[in-house]
Amino acid sequence: MAKIILLVLGVLLAYWILKSYRRRVDRRESQAPAAGPEDMVRCAHCGVHLPRGESLTTQGSFYCSADHERAHRAGERA
């Protein structure tokens, strides 16, 4: 009889621990701000589209890399 009581208490303890862990994870997920979509821009040199945050901006033009920025300023074609 004592073994059954200990088994039931162990199962209840495991359930309680998992439930509190689940609540903590859910709370963290609900607090994380949802990142909205980012604007896409076109490289002035090669025409590749990339997120604005990953681009280089010079004098209102967007570039996918520093090499393309230099090449575009030098007048080279892609």
PDB file of N, CA and C in Angstrom:
ATOM      1  N   MET A   1       0.822  -1.194   0.000  1.00  0.00           N
ATOM      2  CA  MET A   1       0.000   0.000   0.000  1.00  0.00           C
ATOM      3  C   MET A   1       0.868   1.261   0.000  1.00  0.00           C
ATOM      4  N   ALA A   2       1.970   1.237   0.747  1.00  0.00           N
ATOM      5  CA  ALA A   2       2.859   2.393   0.830  1.00  0.00           C
ATOM      6  C   ALA A   2       3.499   2.659  -0.530  1.00  0.00           C
ATOM      7  N   LYS A   3       3.792   1.593  -1.293  1.00  0.00           N
ATOM      8  CA  LYS A   3       4.401   1.764  -2.614  1.00  0.00           C
ATOM      9  C   LYS A   3       3.444   2.472  -3.573  1.00  0.00           C
ATOM     10  N   ILE A   4       2.184   2.153  -3.486  1.00  0.00           N
ATOM     11  CA  ILE A   4       1.186   2.780  -4.350  1.00  0.00           C
ATOM     12  C   ILE A   4       1.050   4.263  -4.015  1.00  0.00           C
ATOM     13  N   ILE A   5       1.050   4.578  -2.726  1.00  0.00           N
ATOM     14  CA  ILE A   5       0.949   5.981  -2.306  1.00  0.00           C
ATOM     15  C   ILE A   5       2.170   6.764  -2.783  1.00  0.00           C
ATOM     16  N   LEU A   6       3.371   6.176  -2.651  1.00  0.00           N
ATOM     17  CA  LEU A   6       4.586   6.846  -3.113  1.00  0.00           C
ATOM     18  C   LEU A   6       4.567   7.031  -4.637  1.00  0.00           C
ATOM     19  N   LEU A   7       4.070   6.050  -5.347  1.00  0.00           N
ATOM     20  CA  LEU A   7       3.973   6.145  -6.799  1.00  0.00           C
ATOM     21  C   LEU A   7       3.018   7.270  -7.205  1.00  0.00           C
ATOM     22  N   VAL A   8       1.866   7.359  -6.551  1.00  0.00           N
ATOM     23  CA  VAL A   8       0.894   8.410  -6.843  1.00  0.00           C
ATOM     24  C   VAL A   8       1.491   9.777  -6.521  1.00  0.00           C
ATOM     25  N   LEU A   9       2.187   9.894  -5.383  1.00  0.00           N
ATOM     26  CA  LEU A   9       2.821  11.160  -5.023  1.00  0.00           C
ATOM     27  C   LEU A   9       3.903  11.541  -6.038  1.00  0.00           C
ATOM     28  N   GLY A  10       4.652  10.571  -6.519  1.00  0.00           N
ATOM     29  CA  GLY A  10       5.675  10.827  -7.532  1.00  0.00           C
ATOM     30  C   GLY A  10       5.081  11.315  -8.843  1.00  0.00           C
ATOM     31  N   VAL A  11       3.979  10.702  -9.257  1.00  0.00           N
ATOM     32  CA  VAL A  11       3.303  11.121 -10.481  1.00  0.00           C
ATOM     33  C   VAL A  11       2.748  12.532 -10.308  1.00  0.00           C
ATOM     34  N   LEU A  12       2.141  12.830  -9.170  1.00  0.00           N
ATOM     35  CA  LEU A  12       1.620  14.172  -8.917  1.00  0.00           C
ATOM     36  C   LEU A  12       2.736  15.217  -8.893  1.00  0.00           C
ATOM     37  N   LEU A  13       3.871  14.878  -8.302  1.00  0.00           N
ATOM     38  CA  LEU A  13       5.016  15.786  -8.261  1.00  0.00           C
ATOM     39  C   LEU A  13       5.530  16.057  -9.679  1.00  0.00           C
ATOM     40  N   ALA A  14       5.659  15.020 -10.483  1.00  0.00           N
ATOM     41  CA  ALA A  14       6.110  15.189 -11.869  1.00  0.00           C
ATOM     42  C   ALA A  14       5.120  16.049 -12.648  1.00  0.00           C
ATOM     43  N   TYR A  15       3.830  15.822 -12.468  1.00  0.00           N
ATOM     44  CA  TYR A  15       2.796  16.615 -13.138  1.00  0.00           C
ATOM     45  C   TYR A  15       2.903  18.080 -12.732  1.00  0.00           C
ATOM     46  N   TRP A  16       3.096  18.346 -11.461  1.00  0.00           N
ATOM     47  CA  TRP A  16       3.195  19.711 -10.952  1.00  0.00           C
ATOM     48  C   TRP A  16       4.429  20.412 -11.524  1.00  0.00           C
ATOM     49  N   ILE A  17       5.567  19.714 -11.585  1.00  0.00           N
ATOM     50  CA  ILE A  17       6.796  20.301 -12.129  1.00  0.00           C
ATOM     51  C   ILE A  17       6.625  20.618 -13.618  1.00  0.00           C
ATOM     52  N   LEU A  18       6.075  19.676 -14.375  1.00  0.00           N
ATOM     53  CA  LEU A  18       5.887  19.907 -15.805  1.00  0.00           C
ATOM     54  C   LEU A  18       4.887  21.034 -16.081  1.00  0.00           C
ATOM     55  N   LYS A  19       3.864  21.124 -15.272  1.00  0.00           N
ATOM     56  CA  LYS A  19       2.860  22.171 -15.441  1.00  0.00           C
ATOM     57  C   LYS A  19       3.475  23.551 -15.181  1.00  0.00           C
ATOM     58  N   SER A  20       4.279  23.687 -14.135  1.00  0.00           N
ATOM     59  CA  SER A  20       4.906  24.979 -13.841  1.00  0.00           C
ATOM     60  C   SER A  20       5.938  25.334 -14.913  1.00  0.00           C
ATOM     61  N   TYR A  21       6.645  24.331 -15.441  1.00  0.00           N
ATOM     62  CA  TYR A  21       7.599  24.580 -16.525  1.00  0.00           C
ATOM     63  C   TYR A  21       6.862  25.074 -17.769  1.00  0.00           C
ATOM     64  N   ARG A  22       5.753  24.447 -18.090  1.00  0.00           N
ATOM     65  CA  ARG A  22       4.959  24.819 -19.267  1.00  0.00           C
ATOM     66  C   ARG A  22       4.447  26.252 -19.136  1.00  0.00           C
ATOM     67  N   ARG A  23       3.995  26.629 -17.951  1.00  0.00           N
ATOM     68  CA  ARG A  23       3.517  27.993 -17.727  1.00  0.00           C
ATOM     69  C   ARG A  23       4.639  29.001 -17.949  1.00  0.00           C
ATOM     70  N   ARG A  24       5.834  28.683 -17.467  1.00  0.00           N
ATOM     71  CA  ARG A  24       6.980  29.571 -17.613  1.00  0.00           C
ATOM     72  C   ARG A  24       7.351  29.741 -19.089  1.00  0.00           C
ATOM     73  N   VAL A  25       7.339  28.656 -19.853  1.00  0.00           N
ATOM     74  CA  VAL A  25       7.655  28.722 -21.279  1.00  0.00           C
ATOM     75  C   VAL A  25       6.598  29.530 -22.020  1.00  0.00           C
ATOM     76  N   ASP A  26       5.328  29.306 -21.721  1.00  0.00           N
ATOM     77  CA  ASP A  26       4.249  30.050 -22.370  1.00  0.00           C
ATOM     78  C   ASP A  26       4.343  31.539 -22.061  1.00  0.00           C
ATOM     79  N   ARG A  27       4.709  31.875 -20.850  1.00  0.00           N
ATOM     80  CA  ARG A  27       4.828  33.272 -20.455  1.00  0.00           C
ATOM     81  C   ARG A  27       5.951  33.949 -21.234  1.00  0.00           C
ATOM     82  N   ARG A  28       7.086  33.263 -21.416  1.00  0.00           N
ATOM     83  CA  ARG A  28       8.201  33.819 -22.179  1.00  0.00           C
ATOM     84  C   ARG A  28       7.818  34.043 -23.636  1.00  0.00           C
ATOM     85  N   GLU A  29       7.090  33.105 -24.223  1.00  0.00           N
ATOM     86  CA  GLU A  29       6.687  33.235 -25.620  1.00  0.00           C
ATOM     87  C   GLU A  29       5.724  34.390 -25.819  1.00  0.00           C
ATOM     88  N   SER A  30       4.834  34.613 -24.861  1.00  0.00           N
ATOM     89  CA  SER A  30       3.857  35.686 -25.014  1.00  0.00           C
ATOM     90  C   SER A  30       4.512  37.051 -24.820  1.00  0.00           C
ATOM     91  N   GLN A  31       5.628  37.140 -24.098  1.00  0.00           N
ATOM     92  CA  GLN A  31       6.303  38.404 -23.865  1.00  0.00           C
ATOM     93  C   GLN A  31       7.213  38.795 -25.020  1.00  0.00           C
ATOM     94  N   ALA A  32       7.652  37.826 -25.823  1.00  0.00           N
ATOM     95  CA  ALA A  32       8.553  38.126 -26.930  1.00  0.00           C
ATOM     96  C   ALA A  32       7.803  38.918 -28.001  1.00  0.00           C
ATOM     97  N   PRO A  33       8.358  40.063 -28.377  1.00  0.00           N
ATOM     98  CA  PRO A  33       7.673  40.855 -29.405  1.00  0.00           C
ATOM     99  C   PRO A  33       7.771  40.161 -30.757  1.00  0.00           C
ATOM    100  N   ALA A  34       6.695  40.215 -31.484  1.00  0.00           N
ATOM    101  CA  ALA A  34       6.675  39.599 -32.809  1.00  0.00           C
ATOM    102  C   ALA A  34       7.358  40.537 -33.795  1.00  0.00           C
ATOM    103  N   ALA A  35       8.355  40.023 -34.475  1.00  0.00           N
ATOM    104  CA  ALA A  35       9.075  40.819 -35.456  1.00  0.00           C
ATOM    105  C   ALA A  35       8.230  40.906 -36.725  1.00  0.00           C
ATOM    106  N   GLY A  36       7.975  42.112 -37.135  1.00  0.00           N
ATOM    107  CA  GLY A  36       7.176  42.318 -38.334  1.00  0.00           C
ATOM    108  C   GLY A  36       8.017  42.103 -39.585  1.00  0.00           C
ATOM    109  N   PRO A  37       7.377  42.099 -40.731  1.00  0.00           N
ATOM    110  CA  PRO A  37       8.119  41.921 -41.977  1.00  0.00           C
ATOM    111  C   PRO A  37       9.025  43.121 -42.233  1.00  0.00           C
ATOM    112  N   GLU A  38      10.146  42.863 -42.857  1.00  0.00           N
ATOM    113  CA  GLU A  38      11.112  43.912 -43.139  1.00  0.00           C
ATOM    114  C   GLU A  38      11.017  44.299 -44.621  1.00  0.00           C
ATOM    115  N   ASP A  39      11.199  45.572 -44.912  1.00  0.00           N
ATOM    116  CA  ASP A  39      11.163  46.035 -46.299  1.00  0.00           C
ATOM    117  C   ASP A  39      12.296  45.409 -47.098  1.00  0.00           C
ATOM    118  N   MET A  40      11.998  45.081 -48.350  1.00  0.00           N
ATOM    119  CA  MET A  40      13.002  44.546 -49.259  1.00  0.00           C
ATOM    120  C   MET A  40      13.471  45.684 -50.165  1.00  0.00           C
ATOM    121  N   VAL A  41      14.780  45.719 -50.428  1.00  0.00           N
ATOM    122  CA  VAL A  41      15.353  46.732 -51.310  1.00  0.00           C
ATOM    123  C   VAL A  41      16.135  46.037 -52.412  1.00  0.00           C
ATOM    124  N   ARG A  42      16.419  46.775 -53.478  1.00  0.00           N
ATOM    125  CA  ARG A  42      17.101  46.222 -54.636  1.00  0.00           C
ATOM    126  C   ARG A  42      18.504  46.802 -54.710  1.00  0.00           C
ATOM    127  N   CYS A  43      19.494  45.946 -54.922  1.00  0.00           N
ATOM    128  CA  CYS A  43      20.874  46.397 -55.079  1.00  0.00           C
ATOM    129  C   CYS A  43      20.965  47.233 -56.354  1.00  0.00           C
ATOM    130  N   ALA A  44      21.549  48.436 -56.242  1.00  0.00           N
ATOM    131  CA  ALA A  44      21.651  49.334 -57.393  1.00  0.00           C
ATOM    132  C   ALA A  44      22.639  48.807 -58.427  1.00  0.00           C
ATOM    133  N   HIS A  45      23.486  47.872 -58.060  1.00  0.00           N
ATOM    134  CA  HIS A  45      24.502  47.360 -58.985  1.00  0.00           C
ATOM    135  C   HIS A  45      24.056  46.086 -59.699  1.00  0.00           C
ATOM    136  N   CYS A  46      23.605  45.074 -58.928  1.00  0.00           N
ATOM    137  CA  CYS A  46      23.288  43.780 -59.554  1.00  0.00           C
ATOM    138  C   CYS A  46      21.795  43.476 -59.604  1.00  0.00           C
ATOM    139  N   GLY A  47      20.976  44.208 -58.865  1.00  0.00           N
ATOM    140  CA  GLY A  47      19.542  44.009 -58.915  1.00  0.00           C
ATOM    141  C   GLY A  47      18.993  42.963 -57.957  1.00  0.00           C
ATOM    142  N   VAL A  48      19.831  42.387 -57.120  1.00  0.00           N
ATOM    143  CA  VAL A  48      19.373  41.392 -56.150  1.00  0.00           C
ATOM    144  C   VAL A  48      18.534  42.068 -55.075  1.00  0.00           C
ATOM    145  N   HIS A  49      17.430  41.447 -54.689  1.00  0.00           N
ATOM    146  CA  HIS A  49      16.594  41.962 -53.609  1.00  0.00           C
ATOM    147  C   HIS A  49      17.047  41.363 -52.287  1.00  0.00           C
ATOM    148  N   LEU A  50      17.134  42.207 -51.251  1.00  0.00           N
ATOM    149  CA  LEU A  50      17.547  41.761 -49.926  1.00  0.00           C
ATOM    150  C   LEU A  50      16.857  42.619 -48.876  1.00  0.00           C
ATOM    151  N   PRO A  51      16.785  42.130 -47.621  1.00  0.00           N
ATOM    152  CA  PRO A  51      16.163  42.918 -46.555  1.00  0.00           C
ATOM    153  C   PRO A  51      16.929  44.226 -46.319  1.00  0.00           C
ATOM    154  N   ARG A  52      16.194  45.272 -46.019  1.00  0.00           N
ATOM    155  CA  ARG A  52      16.811  46.589 -45.809  1.00  0.00           C
ATOM    156  C   ARG A  52      17.884  46.545 -44.727  1.00  0.00           C
ATOM    157  N   GLY A  53      17.672  45.747 -43.687  1.00  0.00           N
ATOM    158  CA  GLY A  53      18.634  45.665 -42.587  1.00  0.00           C
ATOM    159  C   GLY A  53      19.951  45.026 -42.974  1.00  0.00           C
ATOM    160  N   GLU A  54      19.978  44.253 -44.045  1.00  0.00           N
ATOM    161  CA  GLU A  54      21.209  43.598 -44.489  1.00  0.00           C
ATOM    162  C   GLU A  54      21.914  44.377 -45.596  1.00  0.00           C
ATOM    163  N   SER A  55      21.314  45.460 -46.063  1.00  0.00           N
ATOM    164  CA  SER A  55      21.886  46.203 -47.183  1.00  0.00           C
ATOM    165  C   SER A  55      22.799  47.320 -46.692  1.00  0.00           C
ATOM    166  N   LEU A  56      23.630  47.798 -47.600  1.00  0.00           N
ATOM    167  CA  LEU A  56      24.455  48.979 -47.361  1.00  0.00           C
ATOM    168  C   LEU A  56      23.780  50.134 -48.081  1.00  0.00           C
ATOM    169  N   THR A  57      23.691  51.282 -47.426  1.00  0.00           N
ATOM    170  CA  THR A  57      23.024  52.436 -48.013  1.00  0.00           C
ATOM    171  C   THR A  57      24.035  53.553 -48.193  1.00  0.00           C
ATOM    172  N   THR A  58      24.122  54.056 -49.428  1.00  0.00           N
ATOM    173  CA  THR A  58      25.001  55.180 -49.722  1.00  0.00           C
ATOM    174  C   THR A  58      24.256  56.137 -50.635  1.00  0.00           C
ATOM    175  N   GLN A  59      24.107  57.368 -50.192  1.00  0.00           N
ATOM    176  CA  GLN A  59      23.460  58.430 -50.955  1.00  0.00           C
ATOM    177  C   GLN A  59      22.107  57.984 -51.515  1.00  0.00           C
ATOM    178  N   GLY A  60      21.314  57.288 -50.711  1.00  0.00           N
ATOM    179  CA  GLY A  60      19.975  56.881 -51.103  1.00  0.00           C
ATOM    180  C   GLY A  60      19.901  55.631 -51.950  1.00  0.00           C
ATOM    181  N   SER A  61      21.041  55.028 -52.292  1.00  0.00           N
ATOM    182  CA  SER A  61      21.061  53.784 -53.059  1.00  0.00           C
ATOM    183  C   SER A  61      21.403  52.628 -52.138  1.00  0.00           C
ATOM    184  N   PHE A  62      20.873  51.454 -52.457  1.00  0.00           N
ATOM    185  CA  PHE A  62      21.100  50.271 -51.640  1.00  0.00           C
ATOM    186  C   PHE A  62      22.013  49.304 -52.385  1.00  0.00           C
ATOM    187  N   TYR A  63      22.892  48.641 -51.640  1.00  0.00           N
ATOM    188  CA  TYR A  63      23.837  47.692 -52.228  1.00  0.00           C
ATOM    189  C   TYR A  63      23.851  46.423 -51.381  1.00  0.00           C
ATOM    190  N   CYS A  64      24.106  45.268 -52.040  1.00  0.00           N
ATOM    191  CA  CYS A  64      24.135  43.998 -51.316  1.00  0.00           C
ATOM    192  C   CYS A  64      25.495  43.737 -50.684  1.00  0.00           C
ATOM    193  N   SER A  65      26.555  44.410 -51.146  1.00  0.00           N
ATOM    194  CA  SER A  65      27.886  44.222 -50.559  1.00  0.00           C
ATOM    195  C   SER A  65      28.719  45.472 -50.787  1.00  0.00           C
ATOM    196  N   ALA A  66      29.822  45.572 -50.052  1.00  0.00           N
ATOM    197  CA  ALA A  66      30.725  46.710 -50.213  1.00  0.00           C
ATOM    198  C   ALA A  66      31.390  46.673 -51.583  1.00  0.00           C
ATOM    199  N   ASP A  67      31.645  45.477 -52.121  1.00  0.00           N
ATOM    200  CA  ASP A  67      32.241  45.361 -53.454  1.00  0.00           C
ATOM    201  C   ASP A  67      31.318  45.949 -54.514  1.00  0.00           C
ATOM    202  N   HIS A  68      30.029  45.692 -54.409  1.00  0.00           N
ATOM    203  CA  HIS A  68      29.087  46.226 -55.395  1.00  0.00           C
ATOM    204  C   HIS A  68      28.940  47.735 -55.236  1.00  0.00           C
ATOM    205  N   GLU A  69      29.060  48.229 -54.028  1.00  0.00           N
ATOM    206  CA  GLU A  69      29.004  49.678 -53.825  1.00  0.00           C
ATOM    207  C   GLU A  69      30.193  50.339 -54.519  1.00  0.00           C
ATOM    208  N   ARG A  70      31.396  49.779 -54.298  1.00  0.00           N
ATOM    209  CA  ARG A  70      32.599  50.335 -54.936  1.00  0.00           C
ATOM    210  C   ARG A  70      32.517  50.215 -56.459  1.00  0.00           C
ATOM    211  N   ALA A  71      32.062  49.069 -56.952  1.00  0.00           N
ATOM    212  CA  ALA A  71      31.965  48.856 -58.403  1.00  0.00           C
ATOM    213  C   ALA A  71      30.962  49.819 -59.028  1.00  0.00           C
ATOM    214  N   HIS A  72      29.862  50.057 -58.362  1.00  0.00           N
ATOM    215  CA  HIS A  72      28.851  50.953 -58.900  1.00  0.00           C
ATOM    216  C   HIS A  72      29.371  52.383 -58.949  1.00  0.00           C
ATOM    217  N   ARG A  73      30.088  52.788 -57.906  1.00  0.00           N
ATOM    218  CA  ARG A  73      30.662  54.138 -57.891  1.00  0.00           C
ATOM    219  C   ARG A  73      31.730  54.282 -58.975  1.00  0.00           C
ATOM    220  N   ALA A  74      32.463  53.198 -59.253  1.00  0.00           N
ATOM    221  CA  ALA A  74      33.512  53.235 -60.272  1.00  0.00           C
ATOM    222  C   ALA A  74      32.925  53.153 -61.688  1.00  0.00           C
ATOM    223  N   GLY A  75      31.641  52.825 -61.802  1.00  0.00           N
ATOM    224  CA  GLY A  75      30.989  52.779 -63.105  1.00  0.00           C
ATOM    225  C   GLY A  75      31.061  51.425 -63.787  1.00  0.00           C
ATOM    226  N   GLU A  76      31.456  50.395 -63.073  1.00  0.00           N
ATOM    227  CA  GLU A  76      31.519  49.050 -63.657  1.00  0.00           C
ATOM    228  C   GLU A  76      30.124  48.483 -63.794  1.00  0.00           C
ATOM    229  N   ARG A  77      29.952  47.564 -64.740  1.00  0.00           N
ATOM    230  CA  ARG A  77      28.666  46.893 -64.941  1.00  0.00           C
ATOM    231  C   ARG A  77      28.684  45.536 -64.245  1.00  0.00           C
ATOM    232  N   ALA A  78      27.520  45.069 -63.848  1.00  0.00           N
ATOM    233  CA  ALA A  78      27.402  43.757 -63.190  1.00  0.00           C
ATOM    234  C   ALA A  78      27.548  42.641 -64.183  1.00  0.00           C
TER     235      ALA A  78
END
